[in-house]
Amino acid sequence: MKLGAYTACLHDKPVADALKILRDLGLDSAEINSGGFLPAPHLPVDAIRASQDARDEYLGLFASSGVALTALNCNGNPLHPDPEVRRKHGQDVRDAIELAALLGVKRVVTMSGLPEAHAGGTAPSWTVLPWVSVYLDALDYQWNEVVIPYWKDIQARAADADVKVCIEMHPHNVVYNPATMVRLAESIDATHVGAEMDPSHLFWQGIDPVAALDSLGGLVYNAAAKDTRINEAAKINGVLDDRFGRVLPTDPDAIGLGGKDTLSRWPDNSTWDFVAVGRGHDVAFWVDFLRAVKRIDPEMAVNIEHEDQELDQLEGLSHAAKTLLEAAAAV
């Protein structure tokens, strides 16, 4: 099993420097962004497409650092009703499959996406409790008219390239838990589309990631190490919290996510937070998690995703790596 990190949190550093940081932390795997919500400062896309020499030079950075390139990441919304976002994010998934094949990388991580509730809608619509039939109508439209056609095409492309597309089960997407992952896989006769097991979004939904791993089994192709802390405020408001703040595209701290969309401001006194591995769940949990991953595929990469707003990039990565390595030693 390889343990590493998704290098988006080191976006301000050259790729060679980012790889050295991972190696110095005792990690031996890297997941590199290739598009979607975020830019791709660590992936020279045009050069990789242009020549074998450029590809060899790029892969040489990983070989010399002792860190393997195990996945490309293009998390975004490839089904967004805004044509500007949908075109880019949808194409980014196709491009990631192509780039992965050129580099000999066997995993692409992305999200399933979320379309509008009905034809002509202008905003993504997430239906998770269809207790009135109108919501079932919305789900029927989304799955039959948008989701399945797009993902059948991705399945075909991934199979042709022999690249596994790994879907992060992420709320505000049509695939957000094991049941919806299985629904997609069965709907498209998947052989090369499966799950990325990121436990962070499962924690706050009340899902046991180890049980989810055992349930999905061989449908899991990749894993992330990202933790979540459930806060005291959840006892009052639960984990469905809409108190996020608007960040305008013109604000100095705005993070664009495609088109006019920006990353919202996290609520004060939040009901849950993303935290560095080990700050939400102890080493014993991560031992069980890694054991469950190993039961599926002993060679699977597990890459840290650092989004702890209370720790800086190196402090958070270091804490996560220490916890993960301690857990791995007990597996």
C-alpha atoms as a PDB file:
ATOM      1  CA  MET A   1       0.000   0.000   0.000  1.00  0.00           C
ATOM      2  CA  LYS A   2       1.264   3.456  -0.910  1.00  0.00           C
ATOM      3  CA  LEU A   3       0.600   6.419   1.385  1.00  0.00           C
ATOM      4  CA  GLY A   4       0.764   9.917  -0.020  1.00  0.00           C
ATOM      5  CA  ALA A   5      -1.026  13.205  -0.506  1.00  0.00           C
ATOM      6  CA  TYR A   6      -3.096  15.171  -2.976  1.00  0.00           C
ATOM      7  CA  THR A   7      -0.781  18.076  -3.801  1.00  0.00           C
ATOM      8  CA  ALA A   8      -3.459  20.763  -4.226  1.00  0.00           C
ATOM      9  CA  CYS A   9      -2.604  22.032  -0.738  1.00  0.00           C
ATOM     10  CA  LEU A  10       0.955  22.706  -2.014  1.00  0.00           C
ATOM     11  CA  HIS A  11      -0.189  24.588  -5.125  1.00  0.00           C
ATOM     12  CA  ASP A  12       2.108  27.518  -4.379  1.00  0.00           C
ATOM     13  CA  LYS A  13       5.232  25.366  -4.688  1.00  0.00           C
ATOM     14  CA  PRO A  14       6.859  23.855  -7.796  1.00  0.00           C
ATOM     15  CA  VAL A  15       6.027  20.206  -8.259  1.00  0.00           C
ATOM     16  CA  ALA A  16       9.594  19.109  -7.457  1.00  0.00           C
ATOM     17  CA  ASP A  17       9.447  20.975  -4.132  1.00  0.00           C
ATOM     18  CA  ALA A  18       6.033  19.502  -3.356  1.00  0.00           C
ATOM     19  CA  LEU A  19       7.334  15.983  -3.982  1.00  0.00           C
ATOM     20  CA  LYS A  20      10.319  16.604  -1.707  1.00  0.00           C
ATOM     21  CA  ILE A  21       7.969  17.683   1.073  1.00  0.00           C
ATOM     22  CA  LEU A  22       5.980  14.469   0.703  1.00  0.00           C
ATOM     23  CA  ARG A  23       9.129  12.337   0.699  1.00  0.00           C
ATOM     24  CA  ASP A  24      10.509  14.140   3.767  1.00  0.00           C
ATOM     25  CA  LEU A  25       7.248  13.312   5.566  1.00  0.00           C
ATOM     26  CA  GLY A  26       7.768   9.632   4.797  1.00  0.00           C
ATOM     27  CA  LEU A  27       5.152   9.466   2.040  1.00  0.00           C
ATOM     28  CA  ASP A  28       5.599   7.726  -1.307  1.00  0.00           C
ATOM     29  CA  SER A  29       2.515   8.620  -3.376  1.00  0.00           C
ATOM     30  CA  ALA A  30       1.196  11.780  -5.024  1.00  0.00           C
ATOM     31  CA  GLU A  31      -2.159  12.682  -6.538  1.00  0.00           C
ATOM     32  CA  ILE A  32      -1.928  15.644  -8.910  1.00  0.00           C
ATOM     33  CA  ASN A  33      -4.706  18.010  -9.966  1.00  0.00           C
ATOM     34  CA  SER A  34      -5.458  18.090 -13.682  1.00  0.00           C
ATOM     35  CA  GLY A  35      -8.546  20.323 -13.867  1.00  0.00           C
ATOM     36  CA  GLY A  36     -12.088  20.719 -12.556  1.00  0.00           C
ATOM     37  CA  PHE A  37     -12.657  23.219  -9.750  1.00  0.00           C
ATOM     38  CA  LEU A  38      -8.945  23.960  -9.368  1.00  0.00           C
ATOM     39  CA  PRO A  39      -6.109  24.854 -11.754  1.00  0.00           C
ATOM     40  CA  ALA A  40      -3.303  22.390 -12.483  1.00  0.00           C
ATOM     41  CA  PRO A  41      -0.015  24.057 -11.464  1.00  0.00           C
ATOM     42  CA  HIS A  42       1.709  20.690 -10.958  1.00  0.00           C
ATOM     43  CA  LEU A  43       0.762  19.193 -14.330  1.00  0.00           C
ATOM     44  CA  PRO A  44       2.200  20.611 -17.596  1.00  0.00           C
ATOM     45  CA  VAL A  45      -0.784  19.482 -19.675  1.00  0.00           C
ATOM     46  CA  ASP A  46       0.308  20.868 -23.049  1.00  0.00           C
ATOM     47  CA  ALA A  47       3.826  19.474 -22.754  1.00  0.00           C
ATOM     48  CA  ILE A  48       2.569  16.037 -21.727  1.00  0.00           C
ATOM     49  CA  ARG A  49       0.346  15.931 -24.782  1.00  0.00           C
ATOM     50  CA  ALA A  50       3.112  17.196 -27.049  1.00  0.00           C
ATOM     51  CA  SER A  51       5.908  14.647 -26.706  1.00  0.00           C
ATOM     52  CA  GLN A  52       7.189  11.476 -25.102  1.00  0.00           C
ATOM     53  CA  ASP A  53      10.318  13.363 -24.049  1.00  0.00           C
ATOM     54  CA  ALA A  54       8.208  15.778 -22.012  1.00  0.00           C
ATOM     55  CA  ARG A  55       6.347  12.900 -20.436  1.00  0.00           C
ATOM     56  CA  ASP A  56       9.581  11.127 -19.570  1.00  0.00           C
ATOM     57  CA  GLU A  57      11.006  14.309 -18.056  1.00  0.00           C
ATOM     58  CA  TYR A  58       7.879  14.838 -15.958  1.00  0.00           C
ATOM     59  CA  LEU A  59       7.768  11.241 -14.721  1.00  0.00           C
ATOM     60  CA  GLY A  60      11.478  11.516 -13.960  1.00  0.00           C
ATOM     61  CA  LEU A  61      10.655  14.077 -11.258  1.00  0.00           C
ATOM     62  CA  PHE A  62       8.635  11.416  -9.454  1.00  0.00           C
ATOM     63  CA  ALA A  63      11.200   8.662  -9.967  1.00  0.00           C
ATOM     64  CA  SER A  64      14.037  10.804  -8.612  1.00  0.00           C
ATOM     65  CA  SER A  65      11.992  11.865  -5.585  1.00  0.00           C
ATOM     66  CA  GLY A  66      10.909   8.342  -4.652  1.00  0.00           C
ATOM     67  CA  VAL A  67       7.257   9.369  -4.855  1.00  0.00           C
ATOM     68  CA  ALA A  68       4.945   7.567  -7.291  1.00  0.00           C
ATOM     69  CA  LEU A  69       2.337   9.404  -9.341  1.00  0.00           C
ATOM     70  CA  THR A  70      -0.708   7.313  -8.443  1.00  0.00           C
ATOM     71  CA  ALA A  71      -3.660   9.430  -9.610  1.00  0.00           C
ATOM     72  CA  LEU A  72      -4.836  12.540 -11.422  1.00  0.00           C
ATOM     73  CA  ASN A  73      -7.641  14.545  -9.820  1.00  0.00           C
ATOM     74  CA  CYS A  74     -10.234  16.630 -11.659  1.00  0.00           C
ATOM     75  CA  ASN A  75     -12.985  17.099  -9.061  1.00  0.00           C
ATOM     76  CA  GLY A  76     -15.698  19.331 -10.497  1.00  0.00           C
ATOM     77  CA  ASN A  77     -19.290  19.278 -11.682  1.00  0.00           C
ATOM     78  CA  PRO A  78     -19.330  17.733 -15.175  1.00  0.00           C
ATOM     79  CA  LEU A  79     -23.162  17.828 -15.185  1.00  0.00           C
ATOM     80  CA  HIS A  80     -23.612  21.484 -14.193  1.00  0.00           C
ATOM     81  CA  PRO A  81     -26.586  23.193 -15.896  1.00  0.00           C
ATOM     82  CA  ASP A  82     -24.434  26.254 -16.630  1.00  0.00           C
ATOM     83  CA  PRO A  83     -22.994  25.411 -20.085  1.00  0.00           C
ATOM     84  CA  GLU A  84     -19.739  27.217 -19.305  1.00  0.00           C
ATOM     85  CA  VAL A  85     -19.049  25.059 -16.257  1.00  0.00           C
ATOM     86  CA  ARG A  86     -20.449  21.837 -17.747  1.00  0.00           C
ATOM     87  CA  ARG A  87     -18.322  22.087 -20.894  1.00  0.00           C
ATOM     88  CA  LYS A  88     -15.093  22.670 -18.994  1.00  0.00           C
ATOM     89  CA  HIS A  89     -15.601  20.211 -16.131  1.00  0.00           C
ATOM     90  CA  GLY A  90     -17.079  17.574 -18.414  1.00  0.00           C
ATOM     91  CA  GLN A  91     -14.161  17.856 -20.807  1.00  0.00           C
ATOM     92  CA  ASP A  92     -11.677  17.887 -17.924  1.00  0.00           C
ATOM     93  CA  VAL A  93     -12.736  14.350 -16.997  1.00  0.00           C
ATOM     94  CA  ARG A  94     -12.234  13.185 -20.594  1.00  0.00           C
ATOM     95  CA  ASP A  95      -8.880  14.971 -20.735  1.00  0.00           C
ATOM     96  CA  ALA A  96      -7.784  13.440 -17.422  1.00  0.00           C
ATOM     97  CA  ILE A  97      -8.404   9.948 -18.808  1.00  0.00           C
ATOM     98  CA  GLU A  98      -6.321  10.808 -21.875  1.00  0.00           C
ATOM     99  CA  LEU A  99      -3.493  12.342 -19.820  1.00  0.00           C
ATOM    100  CA  ALA A 100      -3.468   9.449 -17.361  1.00  0.00           C
ATOM    101  CA  ALA A 101      -3.132   6.984 -20.232  1.00  0.00           C
ATOM    102  CA  LEU A 102      -0.258   8.978 -21.722  1.00  0.00           C
ATOM    103  CA  LEU A 103       1.540   8.973 -18.369  1.00  0.00           C
ATOM    104  CA  GLY A 104       0.793   5.344 -17.523  1.00  0.00           C
ATOM    105  CA  VAL A 105      -1.282   6.408 -14.507  1.00  0.00           C
ATOM    106  CA  LYS A 106      -4.157   4.038 -13.781  1.00  0.00           C
ATOM    107  CA  ARG A 107      -6.436   6.220 -11.623  1.00  0.00           C
ATOM    108  CA  VAL A 108      -8.442   9.396 -12.223  1.00  0.00           C
ATOM    109  CA  VAL A 109     -10.341  10.873  -9.272  1.00  0.00           C
ATOM    110  CA  THR A 110     -13.407  13.014  -9.858  1.00  0.00           C
ATOM    111  CA  MET A 111     -17.002  13.638  -8.774  1.00  0.00           C
ATOM    112  CA  SER A 112     -20.182  12.346 -10.369  1.00  0.00           C
ATOM    113  CA  GLY A 113     -21.657  15.826 -10.850  1.00  0.00           C
ATOM    114  CA  LEU A 114     -25.097  17.278 -10.239  1.00  0.00           C
ATOM    115  CA  PRO A 115     -27.519  18.526 -12.918  1.00  0.00           C
ATOM    116  CA  GLU A 116     -30.647  20.670 -12.741  1.00  0.00           C
ATOM    117  CA  ALA A 117     -33.934  19.200 -11.438  1.00  0.00           C
ATOM    118  CA  HIS A 118     -35.686  19.499 -14.814  1.00  0.00           C
ATOM    119  CA  ALA A 119     -34.893  20.408 -18.398  1.00  0.00           C
ATOM    120  CA  GLY A 120     -34.205  24.122 -18.677  1.00  0.00           C
ATOM    121  CA  GLY A 121     -33.212  24.545 -15.021  1.00  0.00           C
ATOM    122  CA  THR A 122     -30.322  26.880 -14.325  1.00  0.00           C
ATOM    123  CA  ALA A 123     -28.964  25.645 -10.979  1.00  0.00           C
ATOM    124  CA  PRO A 124     -27.842  22.217  -9.739  1.00  0.00           C
ATOM    125  CA  SER A 125     -30.474  20.545  -7.564  1.00  0.00           C
ATOM    126  CA  TRP A 126     -29.653  17.929  -4.922  1.00  0.00           C
ATOM    127  CA  THR A 127     -32.568  15.664  -4.003  1.00  0.00           C
ATOM    128  CA  VAL A 128     -31.832  13.284  -1.142  1.00  0.00           C
ATOM    129  CA  LEU A 129     -35.228  12.695   0.501  1.00  0.00           C
ATOM    130  CA  PRO A 130     -37.833  12.247  -2.257  1.00  0.00           C
ATOM    131  CA  TRP A 131     -40.826  11.906   0.083  1.00  0.00           C
ATOM    132  CA  VAL A 132     -43.047  13.735  -2.412  1.00  0.00           C
ATOM    133  CA  SER A 133     -43.310  12.316  -5.926  1.00  0.00           C
ATOM    134  CA  VAL A 134     -42.136  15.558  -7.554  1.00  0.00           C
ATOM    135  CA  TYR A 135     -38.681  14.800  -6.165  1.00  0.00           C
ATOM    136  CA  LEU A 136     -38.779  11.339  -7.707  1.00  0.00           C
ATOM    137  CA  ASP A 137     -39.638  13.061 -10.988  1.00  0.00           C
ATOM    138  CA  ALA A 138     -36.542  15.209 -10.573  1.00  0.00           C
ATOM    139  CA  LEU A 139     -34.361  12.175  -9.867  1.00  0.00           C
ATOM    140  CA  ASP A 140     -35.769  10.326 -12.885  1.00  0.00           C
ATOM    141  CA  TYR A 141     -34.910  13.278 -15.118  1.00  0.00           C
ATOM    142  CA  GLN A 142     -31.433  13.686 -13.664  1.00  0.00           C
ATOM    143  CA  TRP A 143     -30.459  10.034 -13.876  1.00  0.00           C
ATOM    144  CA  ASN A 144     -32.135   9.027 -17.134  1.00  0.00           C
ATOM    145  CA  GLU A 145     -31.545  12.170 -19.185  1.00  0.00           C
ATOM    146  CA  VAL A 146     -28.240  13.504 -17.874  1.00  0.00           C
ATOM    147  CA  VAL A 147     -26.298  11.236 -15.520  1.00  0.00           C
ATOM    148  CA  ILE A 148     -26.426   7.886 -17.299  1.00  0.00           C
ATOM    149  CA  PRO A 149     -25.679   9.191 -20.832  1.00  0.00           C
ATOM    150  CA  TYR A 150     -22.643  11.162 -19.627  1.00  0.00           C
ATOM    151  CA  TRP A 151     -21.245   8.372 -17.491  1.00  0.00           C
ATOM    152  CA  LYS A 152     -21.788   5.703 -20.139  1.00  0.00           C
ATOM    153  CA  ASP A 153     -19.495   7.745 -22.370  1.00  0.00           C
ATOM    154  CA  ILE A 154     -16.912   8.091 -19.581  1.00  0.00           C
ATOM    155  CA  GLN A 155     -17.079   4.357 -18.893  1.00  0.00           C
ATOM    156  CA  ALA A 156     -16.374   3.620 -22.572  1.00  0.00           C
ATOM    157  CA  ARG A 157     -13.462   6.070 -22.706  1.00  0.00           C
ATOM    158  CA  ALA A 158     -11.965   4.750 -19.465  1.00  0.00           C
ATOM    159  CA  ALA A 159     -12.247   1.148 -20.640  1.00  0.00           C
ATOM    160  CA  ASP A 160     -10.558   2.001 -23.946  1.00  0.00           C
ATOM    161  CA  ALA A 161      -7.708   3.702 -22.060  1.00  0.00           C
ATOM    162  CA  ASP A 162      -7.578   1.053 -19.311  1.00  0.00           C
ATOM    163  CA  VAL A 163      -7.855   3.801 -16.683  1.00  0.00           C
ATOM    164  CA  LYS A 164     -10.086   3.492 -13.611  1.00  0.00           C
ATOM    165  CA  VAL A 165     -12.242   6.559 -12.902  1.00  0.00           C
ATOM    166  CA  CYS A 166     -12.737   6.862  -9.135  1.00  0.00           C
ATOM    167  CA  ILE A 167     -15.767   8.847  -7.969  1.00  0.00           C
ATOM    168  CA  GLU A 168     -15.574  10.674  -4.670  1.00  0.00           C
ATOM    169  CA  MET A 169     -18.894  10.079  -2.914  1.00  0.00           C
ATOM    170  CA  HIS A 170     -19.576  13.738  -2.188  1.00  0.00           C
ATOM    171  CA  PRO A 171     -22.819  15.455  -1.096  1.00  0.00           C
ATOM    172  CA  HIS A 172     -24.253  17.838  -3.681  1.00  0.00           C
ATOM    173  CA  ASN A 173     -23.552  15.182  -6.294  1.00  0.00           C
ATOM    174  CA  VAL A 174     -25.786  12.397  -7.561  1.00  0.00           C
ATOM    175  CA  VAL A 175     -23.287   9.907  -6.121  1.00  0.00           C
ATOM    176  CA  TYR A 176     -22.805  10.703  -2.437  1.00  0.00           C
ATOM    177  CA  ASN A 177     -23.020   7.325  -0.626  1.00  0.00           C
ATOM    178  CA  PRO A 178     -22.537   3.617  -1.380  1.00  0.00           C
ATOM    179  CA  ALA A 179     -26.125   3.112  -2.579  1.00  0.00           C
ATOM    180  CA  THR A 180     -25.860   5.847  -5.209  1.00  0.00           C
ATOM    181  CA  MET A 181     -22.406   4.589  -6.206  1.00  0.00           C
ATOM    182  CA  VAL A 182     -23.841   1.126  -6.821  1.00  0.00           C
ATOM    183  CA  ARG A 183     -26.783   2.643  -8.712  1.00  0.00           C
ATOM    184  CA  LEU A 184     -24.434   4.429 -11.104  1.00  0.00           C
ATOM    185  CA  ALA A 185     -22.178   1.410 -11.579  1.00  0.00           C
ATOM    186  CA  GLU A 186     -25.134  -0.849 -12.369  1.00  0.00           C
ATOM    187  CA  SER A 187     -26.767   1.730 -14.651  1.00  0.00           C
ATOM    188  CA  ILE A 188     -23.704   2.009 -16.901  1.00  0.00           C
ATOM    189  CA  ASP A 189     -22.451  -1.604 -16.629  1.00  0.00           C
ATOM    190  CA  ALA A 190     -19.292  -0.228 -15.088  1.00  0.00           C
ATOM    191  CA  THR A 191     -15.966  -1.982 -15.455  1.00  0.00           C
ATOM    192  CA  HIS A 192     -13.768   1.130 -15.213  1.00  0.00           C
ATOM    193  CA  VAL A 193     -15.901   3.520 -13.136  1.00  0.00           C
ATOM    194  CA  GLY A 194     -15.980   2.971  -9.384  1.00  0.00           C
ATOM    195  CA  ALA A 195     -15.486   4.689  -6.040  1.00  0.00           C
ATOM    196  CA  GLU A 196     -12.817   6.732  -4.376  1.00  0.00           C
ATOM    197  CA  MET A 197     -13.212   6.108  -0.654  1.00  0.00           C
ATOM    198  CA  ASP A 198     -12.910   9.511   1.011  1.00  0.00           C
ATOM    199  CA  PRO A 199     -14.242   9.022   4.556  1.00  0.00           C
ATOM    200  CA  SER A 200     -14.589  12.727   5.375  1.00  0.00           C
ATOM    201  CA  HIS A 201     -17.966  13.237   3.689  1.00  0.00           C
ATOM    202  CA  LEU A 202     -19.227   9.902   4.932  1.00  0.00           C
ATOM    203  CA  PHE A 203     -18.477  10.786   8.565  1.00  0.00           C
ATOM    204  CA  TRP A 204     -20.837  13.741   8.656  1.00  0.00           C
ATOM    205  CA  GLN A 205     -23.563  11.797   6.899  1.00  0.00           C
ATOM    206  CA  GLY A 206     -23.447   9.233   9.723  1.00  0.00           C
ATOM    207  CA  ILE A 207     -21.868   6.529   7.509  1.00  0.00           C
ATOM    208  CA  ASP A 208     -19.201   4.186   8.857  1.00  0.00           C
ATOM    209  CA  PRO A 209     -16.414   4.310   6.233  1.00  0.00           C
ATOM    210  CA  VAL A 210     -15.113   0.851   7.176  1.00  0.00           C
ATOM    211  CA  ALA A 211     -18.566  -0.677   6.738  1.00  0.00           C
ATOM    212  CA  ALA A 212     -18.880   1.234   3.459  1.00  0.00           C
ATOM    213  CA  LEU A 213     -15.563  -0.177   2.252  1.00  0.00           C
ATOM    214  CA  ASP A 214     -16.632  -3.706   3.090  1.00  0.00           C
ATOM    215  CA  SER A 215     -19.996  -3.147   1.387  1.00  0.00           C
ATOM    216  CA  LEU A 216     -18.540  -1.755  -1.848  1.00  0.00           C
ATOM    217  CA  GLY A 217     -15.606  -4.170  -1.983  1.00  0.00           C
ATOM    218  CA  GLY A 218     -13.969  -4.303  -5.394  1.00  0.00           C
ATOM    219  CA  LEU A 219     -15.944  -1.281  -6.593  1.00  0.00           C
ATOM    220  CA  VAL A 220     -13.462   0.853  -4.605  1.00  0.00           C
ATOM    221  CA  TYR A 221     -10.446   1.735  -6.752  1.00  0.00           C
ATOM    222  CA  ASN A 222      -8.746   4.502  -4.758  1.00  0.00           C
ATOM    223  CA  ALA A 223      -8.761   6.009  -1.271  1.00  0.00           C
ATOM    224  CA  ALA A 224      -8.265   9.359   0.410  1.00  0.00           C
ATOM    225  CA  ALA A 225      -7.216  10.118   3.965  1.00  0.00           C
ATOM    226  CA  LYS A 226      -9.280  13.071   5.112  1.00  0.00           C
ATOM    227  CA  ASP A 227     -10.854  13.492   8.538  1.00  0.00           C
ATOM    228  CA  THR A 228     -13.945  15.223   9.911  1.00  0.00           C
ATOM    229  CA  ARG A 229     -14.723  16.465  13.395  1.00  0.00           C
ATOM    230  CA  ILE A 230     -18.361  16.544  14.496  1.00  0.00           C
ATOM    231  CA  ASN A 231     -18.829  19.588  16.762  1.00  0.00           C
ATOM    232  CA  GLU A 232     -21.094  20.273  19.734  1.00  0.00           C
ATOM    233  CA  ALA A 233     -23.325  22.466  17.554  1.00  0.00           C
ATOM    234  CA  ALA A 234     -24.464  19.337  15.728  1.00  0.00           C
ATOM    235  CA  LYS A 235     -26.413  18.330  18.859  1.00  0.00           C
ATOM    236  CA  ILE A 236     -28.666  21.330  18.255  1.00  0.00           C
ATOM    237  CA  ASN A 237     -28.725  21.858  14.484  1.00  0.00           C
ATOM    238  CA  GLY A 238     -27.661  18.470  13.156  1.00  0.00           C
ATOM    239  CA  VAL A 239     -25.165  18.205  10.330  1.00  0.00           C
ATOM    240  CA  LEU A 240     -27.309  19.809   7.613  1.00  0.00           C
ATOM    241  CA  ASP A 241     -26.166  23.389   8.066  1.00  0.00           C
ATOM    242  CA  ASP A 242     -27.057  26.191   5.622  1.00  0.00           C
ATOM    243  CA  ARG A 243     -25.353  29.074   7.486  1.00  0.00           C
ATOM    244  CA  PHE A 244     -22.587  29.495   4.917  1.00  0.00           C
ATOM    245  CA  GLY A 245     -21.653  33.029   3.827  1.00  0.00           C
ATOM    246  CA  ARG A 246     -21.552  34.419   0.301  1.00  0.00           C
ATOM    247  CA  VAL A 247     -18.180  35.294  -1.197  1.00  0.00           C
ATOM    248  CA  LEU A 248     -18.457  37.540  -4.241  1.00  0.00           C
ATOM    249  CA  PRO A 249     -16.192  36.884  -7.242  1.00  0.00           C
ATOM    250  CA  THR A 250     -14.722  40.355  -6.690  1.00  0.00           C
ATOM    251  CA  ASP A 251     -13.791  39.688  -3.036  1.00  0.00           C
ATOM    252  CA  PRO A 252     -10.018  39.492  -2.430  1.00  0.00           C
ATOM    253  CA  ASP A 253     -10.284  36.015  -0.871  1.00  0.00           C
ATOM    254  CA  ALA A 254     -12.678  34.566  -3.472  1.00  0.00           C
ATOM    255  CA  ILE A 255     -11.888  31.080  -4.757  1.00  0.00           C
ATOM    256  CA  GLY A 256     -13.520  30.504  -8.129  1.00  0.00           C
ATOM    257  CA  LEU A 257     -15.001  27.063  -8.783  1.00  0.00           C
ATOM    258  CA  GLY A 258     -16.177  27.523 -12.368  1.00  0.00           C
ATOM    259  CA  GLY A 259     -18.275  30.155 -14.136  1.00  0.00           C
ATOM    260  CA  LYS A 260     -19.627  32.623 -11.601  1.00  0.00           C
ATOM    261  CA  ASP A 261     -19.440  30.100  -8.734  1.00  0.00           C
ATOM    262  CA  THR A 262     -17.201  30.742  -5.719  1.00  0.00           C
ATOM    263  CA  LEU A 263     -16.369  28.774  -2.592  1.00  0.00           C
ATOM    264  CA  SER A 264     -18.701  29.898   0.191  1.00  0.00           C
ATOM    265  CA  ARG A 265     -17.502  31.066   3.605  1.00  0.00           C
ATOM    266  CA  TRP A 266     -17.640  28.395   6.311  1.00  0.00           C
ATOM    267  CA  PRO A 267     -20.156  29.114   9.123  1.00  0.00           C
ATOM    268  CA  ASP A 268     -19.123  30.226  12.593  1.00  0.00           C
ATOM    269  CA  ASN A 269     -19.836  27.651  15.310  1.00  0.00           C
ATOM    270  CA  SER A 270     -20.056  25.034  12.580  1.00  0.00           C
ATOM    271  CA  THR A 271     -21.681  21.684  13.176  1.00  0.00           C
ATOM    272  CA  TRP A 272     -18.713  19.875  11.616  1.00  0.00           C
ATOM    273  CA  ASP A 273     -15.304  20.676  10.177  1.00  0.00           C
ATOM    274  CA  PHE A 274     -12.719  19.033   7.981  1.00  0.00           C
ATOM    275  CA  VAL A 275      -9.619  18.418  10.091  1.00  0.00           C
ATOM    276  CA  ALA A 276      -6.219  16.817   9.613  1.00  0.00           C
ATOM    277  CA  VAL A 277      -6.136  13.036   9.813  1.00  0.00           C
ATOM    278  CA  GLY A 278      -6.139  12.095  13.493  1.00  0.00           C
ATOM    279  CA  ARG A 279      -7.896  15.253  14.719  1.00  0.00           C
ATOM    280  CA  GLY A 280     -11.370  13.852  14.149  1.00  0.00           C
ATOM    281  CA  HIS A 281     -10.791  10.118  14.547  1.00  0.00           C
ATOM    282  CA  ASP A 282      -7.927   8.469  16.389  1.00  0.00           C
ATOM    283  CA  VAL A 283      -5.207   6.149  15.148  1.00  0.00           C
ATOM    284  CA  ALA A 284      -7.323   3.099  15.990  1.00  0.00           C
ATOM    285  CA  PHE A 285      -9.937   4.167  13.436  1.00  0.00           C
ATOM    286  CA  TRP A 286      -7.293   4.696  10.744  1.00  0.00           C
ATOM    287  CA  VAL A 287      -5.835   1.257  11.459  1.00  0.00           C
ATOM    288  CA  ASP A 288      -9.281  -0.240  10.794  1.00  0.00           C
ATOM    289  CA  PHE A 289      -9.675   1.946   7.696  1.00  0.00           C
ATOM    290  CA  LEU A 290      -6.342   0.881   6.205  1.00  0.00           C
ATOM    291  CA  ARG A 291      -7.063  -2.756   6.992  1.00  0.00           C
ATOM    292  CA  ALA A 292     -10.386  -2.484   5.138  1.00  0.00           C
ATOM    293  CA  VAL A 293      -8.610  -0.885   2.155  1.00  0.00           C
ATOM    294  CA  LYS A 294      -6.008  -3.647   2.207  1.00  0.00           C
ATOM    295  CA  ARG A 295      -8.722  -6.323   2.142  1.00  0.00           C
ATOM    296  CA  ILE A 296      -9.910  -4.869  -1.167  1.00  0.00           C
ATOM    297  CA  ASP A 297      -6.524  -4.164  -2.764  1.00  0.00           C
ATOM    298  CA  PRO A 298      -3.197  -4.354  -0.896  1.00  0.00           C
ATOM    299  CA  GLU A 299      -1.658  -2.097  -3.572  1.00  0.00           C
ATOM    300  CA  MET A 300      -4.253   0.672  -3.362  1.00  0.00           C
ATOM    301  CA  ALA A 301      -2.920   4.193  -2.824  1.00  0.00           C
ATOM    302  CA  VAL A 302      -4.250   6.231   0.106  1.00  0.00           C
ATOM    303  CA  ASN A 303      -3.613   9.951  -0.402  1.00  0.00           C
ATOM    304  CA  ILE A 304      -4.020  12.622   2.260  1.00  0.00           C
ATOM    305  CA  GLU A 305      -6.313  15.524   1.390  1.00  0.00           C
ATOM    306  CA  HIS A 306      -5.525  18.448   3.676  1.00  0.00           C
ATOM    307  CA  GLU A 307      -8.359  20.951   4.223  1.00  0.00           C
ATOM    308  CA  ASP A 308      -7.937  21.711   7.935  1.00  0.00           C
ATOM    309  CA  GLN A 309      -8.490  25.470   8.236  1.00  0.00           C
ATOM    310  CA  GLU A 310      -6.980  25.512  11.730  1.00  0.00           C
ATOM    311  CA  LEU A 311      -3.560  24.286  10.575  1.00  0.00           C
ATOM    312  CA  ASP A 312      -1.305  25.651   7.848  1.00  0.00           C
ATOM    313  CA  GLN A 313      -0.342  23.537   4.845  1.00  0.00           C
ATOM    314  CA  LEU A 314       2.802  21.970   6.282  1.00  0.00           C
ATOM    315  CA  GLU A 315       1.507  21.622   9.832  1.00  0.00           C
ATOM    316  CA  GLY A 316      -1.648  19.902   8.622  1.00  0.00           C
ATOM    317  CA  LEU A 317       0.182  17.606   6.202  1.00  0.00           C
ATOM    318  CA  SER A 318       2.724  16.671   8.870  1.00  0.00           C
ATOM    319  CA  HIS A 319       0.020  15.818  11.407  1.00  0.00           C
ATOM    320  CA  ALA A 320      -1.894  13.754   8.869  1.00  0.00           C
ATOM    321  CA  ALA A 321       1.210  11.902   7.667  1.00  0.00           C
ATOM    322  CA  LYS A 322       2.306  11.072  11.224  1.00  0.00           C
ATOM    323  CA  THR A 323      -1.131   9.627  12.048  1.00  0.00           C
ATOM    324  CA  LEU A 324      -1.399   7.683   8.804  1.00  0.00           C
ATOM    325  CA  LEU A 325       2.095   6.231   9.062  1.00  0.00           C
ATOM    326  CA  GLU A 326       1.485   5.206  12.667  1.00  0.00           C
ATOM    327  CA  ALA A 327      -1.725   3.479  11.604  1.00  0.00           C
ATOM    328  CA  ALA A 328      -0.020   1.770   8.666  1.00  0.00           C
ATOM    329  CA  ALA A 329       2.652   0.347  10.969  1.00  0.00           C
ATOM    330  CA  ALA A 330      -0.112  -1.488  12.860  1.00  0.00           C
ATOM    331  CA  VAL A 331      -1.871  -2.890   9.789  1.00  0.00           C
END
